[in-house]
Amino acid sequence: MTKIKSGDKVKLHYSAKFKDGKLYQSTENRDPEQFDLGEGQVIEGIRKNLIGMEVGEKKTFTVTPAEAFGDHDENLIADVDRKQFPDNMTPFIGQQLRMEREGGVEVTVVVTGLTDDAVTIDANHPLAGKTLEFDVEIVEIN
């Protein structure tokens, strides 16, 4: 049988859970998802675990922060003066905003705190610092 190799496009069913067992994402009751296993297309922790699998094969594996979105970095959390926000904007906790960093690079941040004078934003990836357990079943290899 054909085994998955780097660069293949793979269709699979999966579920991803946090360490406490809480479901993060799943393809249950929907079509399988397709992933491009080219370098940099899928996080390393998933890519390396799919390499060598075959159609119909099932596997459970753990992806650590180091193999995914890194550790949660306190340096990516900042308090921004409310005066820097447009007057017609009312930030709320959980709100996602696009901001421009030095050099013109855009980044998505999440509002995590509010005071009368400041808005706390977090530029960490939502899964930074999280370990995930995956259950996968390979459906197709291209």
C-alpha atoms as a PDB file:
ATOM      1  CA  MET A   1       0.000   0.000   0.000  1.00  0.00           C
ATOM      2  CA  THR A   2       0.976   3.632  -0.475  1.00  0.00           C
ATOM      3  CA  LYS A   3       2.412   5.314   2.579  1.00  0.00           C
ATOM      4  CA  ILE A   4       2.152   9.046   3.273  1.00  0.00           C
ATOM      5  CA  LYS A   5       5.288  11.014   2.489  1.00  0.00           C
ATOM      6  CA  SER A   6       6.202  14.681   2.798  1.00  0.00           C
ATOM      7  CA  GLY A   7       4.484  16.752   0.116  1.00  0.00           C
ATOM      8  CA  ASP A   8       1.421  14.492  -0.193  1.00  0.00           C
ATOM      9  CA  LYS A   9      -2.109  15.805   0.099  1.00  0.00           C
ATOM     10  CA  VAL A  10      -3.973  13.740   2.663  1.00  0.00           C
ATOM     11  CA  LYS A  11      -7.681  13.492   3.494  1.00  0.00           C
ATOM     12  CA  LEU A  12      -8.394  12.367   7.025  1.00  0.00           C
ATOM     13  CA  HIS A  13     -10.912  12.300   9.799  1.00  0.00           C
ATOM     14  CA  TYR A  14      -9.628  13.579  13.115  1.00  0.00           C
ATOM     15  CA  SER A  15     -10.478  14.776  16.563  1.00  0.00           C
ATOM     16  CA  ALA A  16      -8.219  17.025  18.611  1.00  0.00           C
ATOM     17  CA  LYS A  17      -8.560  17.192  22.382  1.00  0.00           C
ATOM     18  CA  PHE A  18      -6.839  19.149  25.115  1.00  0.00           C
ATOM     19  CA  LYS A  19      -4.980  17.274  27.871  1.00  0.00           C
ATOM     20  CA  ASP A  20      -8.090  17.470  30.082  1.00  0.00           C
ATOM     21  CA  GLY A  21     -10.088  15.593  27.418  1.00  0.00           C
ATOM     22  CA  LYS A  22     -12.097  18.613  26.264  1.00  0.00           C
ATOM     23  CA  LEU A  23     -12.733  18.448  22.511  1.00  0.00           C
ATOM     24  CA  TYR A  24     -11.107  21.246  20.516  1.00  0.00           C
ATOM     25  CA  GLN A  25     -12.026  20.258  16.951  1.00  0.00           C
ATOM     26  CA  SER A  26     -13.345  17.255  15.057  1.00  0.00           C
ATOM     27  CA  THR A  27     -14.518  16.108  11.632  1.00  0.00           C
ATOM     28  CA  GLU A  28     -17.159  13.876  13.213  1.00  0.00           C
ATOM     29  CA  ASN A  29     -20.444  14.093  11.276  1.00  0.00           C
ATOM     30  CA  ARG A  30     -18.836  15.980   8.391  1.00  0.00           C
ATOM     31  CA  ASP A  31     -16.527  15.404   5.441  1.00  0.00           C
ATOM     32  CA  PRO A  32     -12.870  14.603   6.077  1.00  0.00           C
ATOM     33  CA  GLU A  33     -10.397  17.483   5.862  1.00  0.00           C
ATOM     34  CA  GLN A  34      -7.540  17.690   3.388  1.00  0.00           C
ATOM     35  CA  PHE A  35      -4.045  18.669   4.481  1.00  0.00           C
ATOM     36  CA  ASP A  36      -1.003  19.462   2.341  1.00  0.00           C
ATOM     37  CA  LEU A  37       1.998  17.845   3.997  1.00  0.00           C
ATOM     38  CA  GLY A  38       4.481  20.090   2.235  1.00  0.00           C
ATOM     39  CA  GLU A  39       7.089  21.735   4.435  1.00  0.00           C
ATOM     40  CA  GLY A  40       5.531  24.531   6.490  1.00  0.00           C
ATOM     41  CA  GLN A  41       1.960  23.727   5.442  1.00  0.00           C
ATOM     42  CA  VAL A  42       0.970  21.753   8.569  1.00  0.00           C
ATOM     43  CA  ILE A  43       2.374  22.051  12.084  1.00  0.00           C
ATOM     44  CA  GLU A  44       5.374  19.767  12.542  1.00  0.00           C
ATOM     45  CA  GLY A  45       3.802  17.668  15.305  1.00  0.00           C
ATOM     46  CA  ILE A  46       0.983  16.592  12.987  1.00  0.00           C
ATOM     47  CA  ARG A  47       3.103  16.244   9.838  1.00  0.00           C
ATOM     48  CA  LYS A  48       5.696  13.955  11.414  1.00  0.00           C
ATOM     49  CA  ASN A  49       3.003  11.685  12.872  1.00  0.00           C
ATOM     50  CA  LEU A  50       1.168  11.288   9.558  1.00  0.00           C
ATOM     51  CA  ILE A  51       4.303  10.392   7.551  1.00  0.00           C
ATOM     52  CA  GLY A  52       4.327   6.634   6.901  1.00  0.00           C
ATOM     53  CA  MET A  53       0.620   6.051   7.543  1.00  0.00           C
ATOM     54  CA  GLU A  54      -1.623   4.282   4.977  1.00  0.00           C
ATOM     55  CA  VAL A  55      -5.251   4.659   3.861  1.00  0.00           C
ATOM     56  CA  GLY A  56      -7.556   3.153   6.506  1.00  0.00           C
ATOM     57  CA  GLU A  57      -4.922   3.376   9.237  1.00  0.00           C
ATOM     58  CA  LYS A  58      -5.874   4.933  12.576  1.00  0.00           C
ATOM     59  CA  LYS A  59      -3.491   6.504  15.053  1.00  0.00           C
ATOM     60  CA  THR A  60      -3.512   8.467  18.290  1.00  0.00           C
ATOM     61  CA  PHE A  61      -0.666  10.886  19.024  1.00  0.00           C
ATOM     62  CA  THR A  62       0.186  13.887  21.176  1.00  0.00           C
ATOM     63  CA  VAL A  63       1.430  17.233  19.855  1.00  0.00           C
ATOM     64  CA  THR A  64       3.325  19.405  22.337  1.00  0.00           C
ATOM     65  CA  PRO A  65       3.543  23.216  22.167  1.00  0.00           C
ATOM     66  CA  ALA A  66       7.126  22.931  20.867  1.00  0.00           C
ATOM     67  CA  GLU A  67       5.820  20.965  17.854  1.00  0.00           C
ATOM     68  CA  ALA A  68       2.867  23.297  17.288  1.00  0.00           C
ATOM     69  CA  PHE A  69       2.413  26.968  18.229  1.00  0.00           C
ATOM     70  CA  GLY A  70       5.100  27.341  20.882  1.00  0.00           C
ATOM     71  CA  ASP A  71       4.835  28.259  24.522  1.00  0.00           C
ATOM     72  CA  HIS A  72       2.598  31.055  25.729  1.00  0.00           C
ATOM     73  CA  ASP A  73       4.797  34.189  25.736  1.00  0.00           C
ATOM     74  CA  GLU A  74       3.974  36.844  28.350  1.00  0.00           C
ATOM     75  CA  ASN A  75       5.937  39.354  26.226  1.00  0.00           C
ATOM     76  CA  LEU A  76       3.147  39.159  23.633  1.00  0.00           C
ATOM     77  CA  ILE A  77       0.608  40.580  26.098  1.00  0.00           C
ATOM     78  CA  ALA A  78       0.308  44.352  26.352  1.00  0.00           C
ATOM     79  CA  ASP A  79      -1.882  47.070  27.811  1.00  0.00           C
ATOM     80  CA  VAL A  80      -2.849  49.639  25.181  1.00  0.00           C
ATOM     81  CA  ASP A  81      -4.177  53.068  26.096  1.00  0.00           C
ATOM     82  CA  ARG A  82      -7.881  53.282  25.165  1.00  0.00           C
ATOM     83  CA  LYS A  83      -7.119  56.608  23.459  1.00  0.00           C
ATOM     84  CA  GLN A  84      -5.318  54.642  20.731  1.00  0.00           C
ATOM     85  CA  PHE A  85      -8.628  53.036  19.696  1.00  0.00           C
ATOM     86  CA  PRO A  86     -11.147  54.826  17.462  1.00  0.00           C
ATOM     87  CA  ASP A  87     -13.890  56.693  19.352  1.00  0.00           C
ATOM     88  CA  ASN A  88     -16.597  54.606  17.676  1.00  0.00           C
ATOM     89  CA  MET A  89     -15.035  51.311  18.821  1.00  0.00           C
ATOM     90  CA  THR A  90     -16.038  49.595  22.051  1.00  0.00           C
ATOM     91  CA  PRO A  91     -13.571  46.744  22.698  1.00  0.00           C
ATOM     92  CA  PHE A  92     -14.870  43.640  24.460  1.00  0.00           C
ATOM     93  CA  ILE A  93     -13.184  40.615  25.999  1.00  0.00           C
ATOM     94  CA  GLY A  94     -12.664  37.895  23.401  1.00  0.00           C
ATOM     95  CA  GLN A  95     -12.708  40.340  20.489  1.00  0.00           C
ATOM     96  CA  GLN A  96     -10.165  39.604  17.772  1.00  0.00           C
ATOM     97  CA  LEU A  97      -8.429  42.586  16.214  1.00  0.00           C
ATOM     98  CA  ARG A  98      -5.934  42.928  13.368  1.00  0.00           C
ATOM     99  CA  MET A  99      -3.040  45.178  14.304  1.00  0.00           C
ATOM    100  CA  GLU A 100       0.083  46.239  12.488  1.00  0.00           C
ATOM    101  CA  ARG A 101       3.456  45.565  14.098  1.00  0.00           C
ATOM    102  CA  GLU A 102       6.719  47.299  13.353  1.00  0.00           C
ATOM    103  CA  GLY A 103       7.735  46.654   9.767  1.00  0.00           C
ATOM    104  CA  GLY A 104       4.128  46.548   8.563  1.00  0.00           C
ATOM    105  CA  VAL A 105       3.470  42.934   9.581  1.00  0.00           C
ATOM    106  CA  GLU A 106      -0.181  42.329  10.503  1.00  0.00           C
ATOM    107  CA  VAL A 107      -0.980  40.213  13.533  1.00  0.00           C
ATOM    108  CA  THR A 108      -4.234  39.039  15.082  1.00  0.00           C
ATOM    109  CA  VAL A 109      -4.617  39.889  18.764  1.00  0.00           C
ATOM    110  CA  VAL A 110      -7.340  39.027  21.258  1.00  0.00           C
ATOM    111  CA  VAL A 111      -8.730  41.434  23.837  1.00  0.00           C
ATOM    112  CA  THR A 112      -8.210  39.729  27.204  1.00  0.00           C
ATOM    113  CA  GLY A 113      -8.822  42.537  29.684  1.00  0.00           C
ATOM    114  CA  LEU A 114     -10.419  45.955  30.038  1.00  0.00           C
ATOM    115  CA  THR A 115     -10.046  48.854  32.457  1.00  0.00           C
ATOM    116  CA  ASP A 116     -11.278  52.432  32.242  1.00  0.00           C
ATOM    117  CA  ASP A 117      -7.915  53.491  30.791  1.00  0.00           C
ATOM    118  CA  ALA A 118      -6.507  50.451  28.966  1.00  0.00           C
ATOM    119  CA  VAL A 119      -7.270  47.454  26.775  1.00  0.00           C
ATOM    120  CA  THR A 120      -5.183  44.321  27.377  1.00  0.00           C
ATOM    121  CA  ILE A 121      -4.340  42.488  24.157  1.00  0.00           C
ATOM    122  CA  ASP A 122      -2.698  39.106  23.627  1.00  0.00           C
ATOM    123  CA  ALA A 123      -0.819  38.342  20.396  1.00  0.00           C
ATOM    124  CA  ASN A 124      -0.134  34.687  21.270  1.00  0.00           C
ATOM    125  CA  HIS A 125      -1.694  32.078  18.988  1.00  0.00           C
ATOM    126  CA  PRO A 126      -4.848  30.779  20.743  1.00  0.00           C
ATOM    127  CA  LEU A 127      -3.212  27.338  21.018  1.00  0.00           C
ATOM    128  CA  ALA A 128       0.172  28.577  22.272  1.00  0.00           C
ATOM    129  CA  GLY A 129       1.192  26.581  25.325  1.00  0.00           C
ATOM    130  CA  LYS A 130      -1.418  23.882  24.673  1.00  0.00           C
ATOM    131  CA  THR A 131      -0.769  20.171  24.266  1.00  0.00           C
ATOM    132  CA  LEU A 132      -3.250  18.418  21.984  1.00  0.00           C
ATOM    133  CA  GLU A 133      -4.078  14.735  21.544  1.00  0.00           C
ATOM    134  CA  PHE A 134      -5.138  13.709  18.051  1.00  0.00           C
ATOM    135  CA  ASP A 135      -7.091  10.679  16.880  1.00  0.00           C
ATOM    136  CA  VAL A 136      -6.764  10.357  13.091  1.00  0.00           C
ATOM    137  CA  GLU A 137      -7.969   8.014  10.360  1.00  0.00           C
ATOM    138  CA  ILE A 138      -6.456   8.297   6.890  1.00  0.00           C
ATOM    139  CA  VAL A 139      -9.119   8.414   4.142  1.00  0.00           C
ATOM    140  CA  GLU A 140      -7.129   9.278   0.995  1.00  0.00           C
ATOM    141  CA  ILE A 141      -3.564  10.022  -0.135  1.00  0.00           C
ATOM    142  CA  ASN A 142      -2.791  12.102  -3.250  1.00  0.00           C
END
